[in-house]
C-alpha atoms as a PDB file:
ATOM      1  CA  UNK A   1      24.406 -35.245 -63.421  1.00  0.00           C
ATOM      2  CA  UNK A   2      27.519 -34.365 -61.682  1.00  0.00           C
ATOM      3  CA  UNK A   3      26.272 -30.722 -61.429  1.00  0.00           C
ATOM      4  CA  UNK A   4      22.940 -31.901 -60.167  1.00  0.00           C
ATOM      5  CA  UNK A   5      24.572 -34.095 -57.497  1.00  0.00           C
ATOM      6  CA  UNK A   6      26.661 -31.147 -56.387  1.00  0.00           C
ATOM      7  CA  UNK A   7      23.528 -29.020 -56.029  1.00  0.00           C
ATOM      8  CA  UNK A   8      21.868 -31.754 -53.978  1.00  0.00           C
ATOM      9  CA  UNK A   9      24.887 -32.171 -51.692  1.00  0.00           C
ATOM     10  CA  UNK A  10      25.015 -28.422 -51.143  1.00  0.00           C
ATOM     11  CA  UNK A  11      21.370 -28.316 -50.288  1.00  0.00           C
ATOM     12  CA  UNK A  12      21.808 -31.046 -47.764  1.00  0.00           C
ATOM     13  CA  UNK A  13      24.732 -29.292 -46.106  1.00  0.00           C
ATOM     14  CA  UNK A  14      22.674 -26.095 -45.886  1.00  0.00           C
ATOM     15  CA  UNK A  15      19.780 -27.896 -44.303  1.00  0.00           C
ATOM     16  CA  UNK A  16      22.016 -29.665 -41.760  1.00  0.00           C
ATOM     17  CA  UNK A  17      23.613 -26.369 -40.870  1.00  0.00           C
ATOM     18  CA  UNK A  18      20.160 -24.863 -40.387  1.00  0.00           C
ATOM     19  CA  UNK A  19      19.196 -27.806 -38.127  1.00  0.00           C
ATOM     20  CA  UNK A  20      22.353 -27.411 -36.057  1.00  0.00           C
ATOM     21  CA  UNK A  21      21.683 -23.687 -35.802  1.00  0.00           C
ATOM     22  CA  UNK A  22      18.162 -24.242 -34.618  1.00  0.00           C
ATOM     23  CA  UNK A  23      19.389 -26.782 -31.992  1.00  0.00           C
ATOM     24  CA  UNK A  24      21.907 -24.241 -30.783  1.00  0.00           C
ATOM     25  CA  UNK A  25      19.158 -21.588 -30.655  1.00  0.00           C
ATOM     26  CA  UNK A  26      16.998 -23.759 -28.594  1.00  0.00           C
ATOM     27  CA  UNK A  27      19.685 -24.434 -26.067  1.00  0.00           C
ATOM     28  CA  UNK A  28      20.514 -20.759 -25.892  1.00  0.00           C
ATOM     29  CA  UNK A  29      16.843 -19.923 -25.548  1.00  0.00           C
ATOM     30  CA  UNK A  30      16.483 -22.496 -22.718  1.00  0.00           C
ATOM     31  CA  UNK A  31      19.415 -20.877 -20.895  1.00  0.00           C
ATOM     32  CA  UNK A  32      17.957 -17.386 -21.330  1.00  0.00           C
ATOM     33  CA  UNK A  33      14.666 -18.645 -20.210  1.00  0.00           C
ATOM     34  CA  UNK A  34      16.047 -20.228 -17.107  1.00  0.00           C
ATOM     35  CA  UNK A  35      17.892 -17.028 -16.100  1.00  0.00           C
ATOM     36  CA  UNK A  36      14.835 -14.834 -16.754  1.00  0.00           C
ATOM     37  CA  UNK A  37      12.668 -17.133 -14.792  1.00  0.00           C
ATOM     38  CA  UNK A  38      14.914 -17.247 -11.855  1.00  0.00           C
ATOM     39  CA  UNK A  39      16.073 -13.625 -11.724  1.00  0.00           C
ATOM     40  CA  UNK A  40      12.682 -12.006 -10.946  1.00  0.00           C
ATOM     41  CA  UNK A  41      12.281 -14.407  -8.064  1.00  0.00           C
ATOM     42  CA  UNK A  42      15.469 -13.155  -6.358  1.00  0.00           C
ATOM     43  CA  UNK A  43      14.731  -9.639  -7.081  1.00  0.00           C
ATOM     44  CA  UNK A  44      11.121  -9.846  -5.761  1.00  0.00           C
ATOM     45  CA  UNK A  45      12.189 -11.480  -2.483  1.00  0.00           C
ATOM     46  CA  UNK A  46      11.491  -8.776   0.091  1.00  0.00           C
ATOM     47  CA  UNK A  47      13.375  -8.684   3.369  1.00  0.00           C
ATOM     48  CA  UNK A  48      11.554  -9.689   6.547  1.00  0.00           C
ATOM     49  CA  UNK A  49      10.112  -6.650   8.336  1.00  0.00           C
ATOM     50  CA  UNK A  50      12.256  -5.441  11.234  1.00  0.00           C
ATOM     51  CA  UNK A  51      10.799  -4.987  14.662  1.00  0.00           C
ATOM     52  CA  UNK A  52       9.896  -1.395  15.687  1.00  0.00           C
ATOM     53  CA  UNK A  53      12.543  -0.476  18.364  1.00  0.00           C
ATOM     54  CA  UNK A  54      10.277   2.277  19.867  1.00  0.00           C
ATOM     55  CA  UNK A  55       7.415  -0.272  20.351  1.00  0.00           C
ATOM     56  CA  UNK A  56       9.829  -2.668  21.997  1.00  0.00           C
ATOM     57  CA  UNK A  57      10.880  -0.023  24.474  1.00  0.00           C
ATOM     58  CA  UNK A  58       7.274   0.979  25.118  1.00  0.00           C
ATOM     59  CA  UNK A  59       6.286  -2.594  25.894  1.00  0.00           C
ATOM     60  CA  UNK A  60       9.209  -3.025  28.297  1.00  0.00           C
ATOM     61  CA  UNK A  61       8.297   0.085  30.181  1.00  0.00           C
ATOM     62  CA  UNK A  62       4.601  -0.946  30.220  1.00  0.00           C
ATOM     63  CA  UNK A  63       5.630  -4.190  32.069  1.00  0.00           C
ATOM     64  CA  UNK A  64       7.581  -2.192  34.660  1.00  0.00           C
ATOM     65  CA  UNK A  65       4.585   0.257  35.127  1.00  0.00           C
ATOM     66  CA  UNK A  66       2.328  -2.791  35.738  1.00  0.00           C
ATOM     67  CA  UNK A  67       4.164  -3.431  38.959  1.00  0.00           C
ATOM     68  CA  UNK A  68       4.434   0.125  40.126  1.00  0.00           C
ATOM     69  CA  UNK A  69       1.176   0.161  41.990  1.00  0.00           C
ATOM     70  CA  UNK A  70       1.554  -3.220  43.753  1.00  0.00           C
ATOM     71  CA  UNK A  71       2.274  -1.649  47.192  1.00  0.00           C
ATOM     72  CA  UNK A  72      -0.326   1.104  47.014  1.00  0.00           C
ATOM     73  CA  UNK A  73      -3.063  -0.616  48.971  1.00  0.00           C
ATOM     74  CA  UNK A  74      -0.535  -1.799  51.593  1.00  0.00           C
ATOM     75  CA  UNK A  75       0.704   1.687  52.064  1.00  0.00           C
ATOM     76  CA  UNK A  76      -2.770   3.176  52.396  1.00  0.00           C
ATOM     77  CA  UNK A  77      -3.707   0.599  54.963  1.00  0.00           C
ATOM     78  CA  UNK A  78      -0.450   0.903  56.969  1.00  0.00           C
ATOM     79  CA  UNK A  79      -0.758   4.742  57.154  1.00  0.00           C
ATOM     80  CA  UNK A  80      -4.342   4.260  58.335  1.00  0.00           C
ATOM     81  CA  UNK A  81      -3.133   1.873  61.042  1.00  0.00           C
ATOM     82  CA  UNK A  82      -0.585   4.401  62.285  1.00  0.00           C
ATOM     83  CA  UNK A  83      -3.209   7.128  62.455  1.00  0.00           C
ATOM     84  CA  UNK A  84      -5.441   4.880  64.467  1.00  0.00           C
ATOM     85  CA  UNK A  85      -2.537   3.645  66.627  1.00  0.00           C
ATOM     86  CA  UNK A  86      -2.971  -0.080  65.749  1.00  0.00           C
ATOM     87  CA  UNK A  87      -0.757  -2.718  64.275  1.00  0.00           C
ATOM     88  CA  UNK A  88       2.269  -0.356  64.518  1.00  0.00           C
ATOM     89  CA  UNK A  89       5.114  -2.792  64.140  1.00  0.00           C
ATOM     90  CA  UNK A  90       3.509  -4.405  61.133  1.00  0.00           C
ATOM     91  CA  UNK A  91       2.701  -1.045  59.629  1.00  0.00           C
ATOM     92  CA  UNK A  92       6.231   0.047  60.124  1.00  0.00           C
ATOM     93  CA  UNK A  93       7.614  -3.040  58.262  1.00  0.00           C
ATOM     94  CA  UNK A  94       5.116  -2.782  55.422  1.00  0.00           C
ATOM     95  CA  UNK A  95       5.922   0.870  54.897  1.00  0.00           C
ATOM     96  CA  UNK A  96       9.671   0.136  54.648  1.00  0.00           C
ATOM     97  CA  UNK A  97       8.989  -2.873  52.368  1.00  0.00           C
ATOM     98  CA  UNK A  98       7.012  -0.379  50.137  1.00  0.00           C
ATOM     99  CA  UNK A  99       9.861   2.122  50.168  1.00  0.00           C
ATOM    100  CA  UNK A 100      12.346  -0.558  48.949  1.00  0.00           C
ATOM    101  CA  UNK A 101       9.950  -1.514  46.189  1.00  0.00           C
ATOM    102  CA  UNK A 102       9.740   2.132  45.059  1.00  0.00           C
ATOM    103  CA  UNK A 103      13.558   2.386  45.144  1.00  0.00           C
ATOM    104  CA  UNK A 104      13.747  -0.786  43.080  1.00  0.00           C
ATOM    105  CA  UNK A 105      11.499   0.671  40.461  1.00  0.00           C
ATOM    106  CA  UNK A 106      13.941   3.604  40.100  1.00  0.00           C
ATOM    107  CA  UNK A 107      16.809   1.210  39.640  1.00  0.00           C
ATOM    108  CA  UNK A 108      14.903  -0.902  37.071  1.00  0.00           C
ATOM    109  CA  UNK A 109      13.892   2.236  35.143  1.00  0.00           C
ATOM    110  CA  UNK A 110      17.458   3.255  34.789  1.00  0.00           C
ATOM    111  CA  UNK A 111      18.259  -0.099  33.250  1.00  0.00           C
ATOM    112  CA  UNK A 112      15.620   0.230  30.548  1.00  0.00           C
ATOM    113  CA  UNK A 113      16.363   1.808  27.086  1.00  0.00           C
ATOM    114  CA  UNK A 114      13.598   4.302  26.380  1.00  0.00           C
ATOM    115  CA  UNK A 115      15.527   6.723  24.052  1.00  0.00           C
ATOM    116  CA  UNK A 116      13.127   5.995  21.158  1.00  0.00           C
ATOM    117  CA  UNK A 117      10.002   7.045  22.957  1.00  0.00           C
ATOM    118  CA  UNK A 118       8.498  10.524  22.531  1.00  0.00           C
ATOM    119  CA  UNK A 119       9.515  12.868  25.397  1.00  0.00           C
ATOM    120  CA  UNK A 120      11.391  10.141  27.032  1.00  0.00           C
ATOM    121  CA  UNK A 121      13.528  12.396  29.195  1.00  0.00           C
ATOM    122  CA  UNK A 122      10.524  14.134  30.718  1.00  0.00           C
ATOM    123  CA  UNK A 123       8.786  10.778  31.223  1.00  0.00           C
ATOM    124  CA  UNK A 124      11.634   9.058  32.978  1.00  0.00           C
ATOM    125  CA  UNK A 125      12.428  12.178  35.107  1.00  0.00           C
ATOM    126  CA  UNK A 126       8.763  12.385  36.324  1.00  0.00           C
ATOM    127  CA  UNK A 127       8.651   8.669  37.154  1.00  0.00           C
ATOM    128  CA  UNK A 128      11.993   8.843  38.947  1.00  0.00           C
ATOM    129  CA  UNK A 129      10.955  11.800  41.035  1.00  0.00           C
ATOM    130  CA  UNK A 130       7.597  10.229  41.788  1.00  0.00           C
ATOM    131  CA  UNK A 131       8.934   6.897  42.946  1.00  0.00           C
ATOM    132  CA  UNK A 132      11.795   8.575  44.934  1.00  0.00           C
ATOM    133  CA  UNK A 133       9.353  10.785  46.695  1.00  0.00           C
ATOM    134  CA  UNK A 134       6.929   7.914  47.385  1.00  0.00           C
ATOM    135  CA  UNK A 135       9.984   5.995  48.955  1.00  0.00           C
ATOM    136  CA  UNK A 136      10.730   8.978  51.093  1.00  0.00           C
ATOM    137  CA  UNK A 137       7.096   9.303  52.172  1.00  0.00           C
ATOM    138  CA  UNK A 138       6.898   5.647  53.077  1.00  0.00           C
ATOM    139  CA  UNK A 139      10.169   5.862  55.151  1.00  0.00           C
ATOM    140  CA  UNK A 140       8.899   8.937  56.956  1.00  0.00           C
ATOM    141  CA  UNK A 141       5.556   7.252  57.745  1.00  0.00           C
ATOM    142  CA  UNK A 142       7.397   4.154  58.960  1.00  0.00           C
ATOM    143  CA  UNK A 143       9.483   6.396  61.321  1.00  0.00           C
ATOM    144  CA  UNK A 144       6.277   7.993  62.508  1.00  0.00           C
ATOM    145  CA  UNK A 145       4.884   4.436  63.354  1.00  0.00           C
ATOM    146  CA  UNK A 146       8.043   3.729  65.401  1.00  0.00           C
ATOM    147  CA  UNK A 147       7.569   7.006  67.320  1.00  0.00           C
ATOM    148  CA  UNK A 148       3.932   6.183  68.090  1.00  0.00           C
ATOM    149  CA  UNK A 149       4.891   2.541  69.146  1.00  0.00           C
ATOM    150  CA  UNK A 150       7.537   3.777  71.583  1.00  0.00           C
ATOM    151  CA  UNK A 151       5.374   6.465  73.258  1.00  0.00           C
ATOM    152  CA  UNK A 152       2.001   5.050  72.560  1.00  0.00           C
ATOM    153  CA  UNK A 153       0.406   6.386  75.736  1.00  0.00           C
ATOM    154  CA  UNK A 154       1.548   9.857  75.111  1.00  0.00           C
ATOM    155  CA  UNK A 155       1.203   9.788  71.352  1.00  0.00           C
ATOM    156  CA  UNK A 156      -2.287   8.287  71.108  1.00  0.00           C
ATOM    157  CA  UNK A 157      -5.289  10.243  72.308  1.00  0.00           C
ATOM    158  CA  UNK A 158      -8.799   8.781  71.712  1.00  0.00           C
ATOM    159  CA  UNK A 159      -7.430   6.324  69.266  1.00  0.00           C
ATOM    160  CA  UNK A 160      -5.648   8.908  67.110  1.00  0.00           C
ATOM    161  CA  UNK A 161      -1.920   9.264  66.695  1.00  0.00           C
ATOM    162  CA  UNK A 162      -0.508  12.704  67.112  1.00  0.00           C
ATOM    163  CA  UNK A 163       1.269  14.261  64.055  1.00  0.00           C
ATOM    164  CA  UNK A 164       5.059  14.660  64.387  1.00  0.00           C
ATOM    165  CA  UNK A 165       7.753  16.116  62.082  1.00  0.00           C
ATOM    166  CA  UNK A 166       7.950  12.631  60.557  1.00  0.00           C
ATOM    167  CA  UNK A 167       4.359  12.828  59.616  1.00  0.00           C
ATOM    168  CA  UNK A 168       4.704  16.250  58.103  1.00  0.00           C
ATOM    169  CA  UNK A 169       7.725  15.194  56.069  1.00  0.00           C
ATOM    170  CA  UNK A 170       5.948  12.214  54.860  1.00  0.00           C
ATOM    171  CA  UNK A 171       2.911  14.391  53.691  1.00  0.00           C
ATOM    172  CA  UNK A 172       5.218  16.683  51.874  1.00  0.00           C
ATOM    173  CA  UNK A 173       6.947  13.883  49.983  1.00  0.00           C
ATOM    174  CA  UNK A 174       3.599  12.322  49.281  1.00  0.00           C
ATOM    175  CA  UNK A 175       2.460  15.641  47.687  1.00  0.00           C
ATOM    176  CA  UNK A 176       5.542  15.683  45.493  1.00  0.00           C
ATOM    177  CA  UNK A 177       4.945  12.056  44.450  1.00  0.00           C
ATOM    178  CA  UNK A 178       1.240  12.838  43.453  1.00  0.00           C
ATOM    179  CA  UNK A 179       2.344  15.802  41.380  1.00  0.00           C
ATOM    180  CA  UNK A 180       5.056  13.924  39.575  1.00  0.00           C
ATOM    181  CA  UNK A 181       2.776  10.915  38.989  1.00  0.00           C
ATOM    182  CA  UNK A 182       0.334  13.261  37.284  1.00  0.00           C
ATOM    183  CA  UNK A 183       2.930  14.407  34.904  1.00  0.00           C
ATOM    184  CA  UNK A 184       4.238  10.856  34.239  1.00  0.00           C
ATOM    185  CA  UNK A 185       0.685   9.709  33.684  1.00  0.00           C
ATOM    186  CA  UNK A 186       0.072  12.188  30.846  1.00  0.00           C
ATOM    187  CA  UNK A 187       3.285  11.416  29.210  1.00  0.00           C
ATOM    188  CA  UNK A 188       2.932   7.707  29.403  1.00  0.00           C
ATOM    189  CA  UNK A 189      -0.712   7.692  28.194  1.00  0.00           C
ATOM    190  CA  UNK A 190       0.369   9.371  25.035  1.00  0.00           C
ATOM    191  CA  UNK A 191       2.870   6.584  24.396  1.00  0.00           C
ATOM    192  CA  UNK A 192       0.231   4.023  25.360  1.00  0.00           C
ATOM    193  CA  UNK A 193      -2.254   5.291  22.927  1.00  0.00           C
ATOM    194  CA  UNK A 194       0.296   5.321  20.098  1.00  0.00           C
ATOM    195  CA  UNK A 195       1.282   1.680  20.651  1.00  0.00           C
ATOM    196  CA  UNK A 196      -2.027   0.309  21.944  1.00  0.00           C
ATOM    197  CA  UNK A 197      -0.785  -0.364  25.491  1.00  0.00           C
ATOM    198  CA  UNK A 198      -2.393   0.214  28.888  1.00  0.00           C
ATOM    199  CA  UNK A 199      -3.187   3.832  29.902  1.00  0.00           C
ATOM    200  CA  UNK A 200      -2.692   4.451  33.677  1.00  0.00           C
ATOM    201  CA  UNK A 201      -3.999   7.056  36.048  1.00  0.00           C
ATOM    202  CA  UNK A 202      -1.593   8.787  38.473  1.00  0.00           C
ATOM    203  CA  UNK A 203      -2.829   6.568  41.353  1.00  0.00           C
ATOM    204  CA  UNK A 204      -1.825   3.542  39.355  1.00  0.00           C
ATOM    205  CA  UNK A 205       1.820   4.665  39.226  1.00  0.00           C
END
């Protein structure tokens, strides 16, 4: 009987040990399951996509170009007025205002970062030369208007103003501006197509 009791006690001890081992295994399994459940979530979290710096530069330049043609209709009308010997003081003021606007475009362009854009050096050079030449042309035409206004009887024949060196200088500068705007238009339109922005003709610059 004593031997039998010893066997029973030993069996109970083994069973209890097994139960404790199973409990410990469950706890360890729960811990491992928690880690394995949370680890993939942190690994799979992808960083937020960063903005395209080239596109940001293209959008900023597009906004500047949108204002570049604002004075075009005023300049055309003012030059026509000078040729027709009419509204000369107003034409002179409008032309000088347009020249200041073109000069401001050059300043604003210098403040933009465009180094990520394709052929950005050529593009900014063409725009700068175009706007500087346009400003020069506007100032020459304004000086022409002043000349006509001072000597209107002598300068105006049959409703047409005589050409002067200021007129010729304005025409030359206008020709430079047109050529440079043609280059700038081609370079910009390639950028515009790439980023889905507004393409512009030379006359819109």
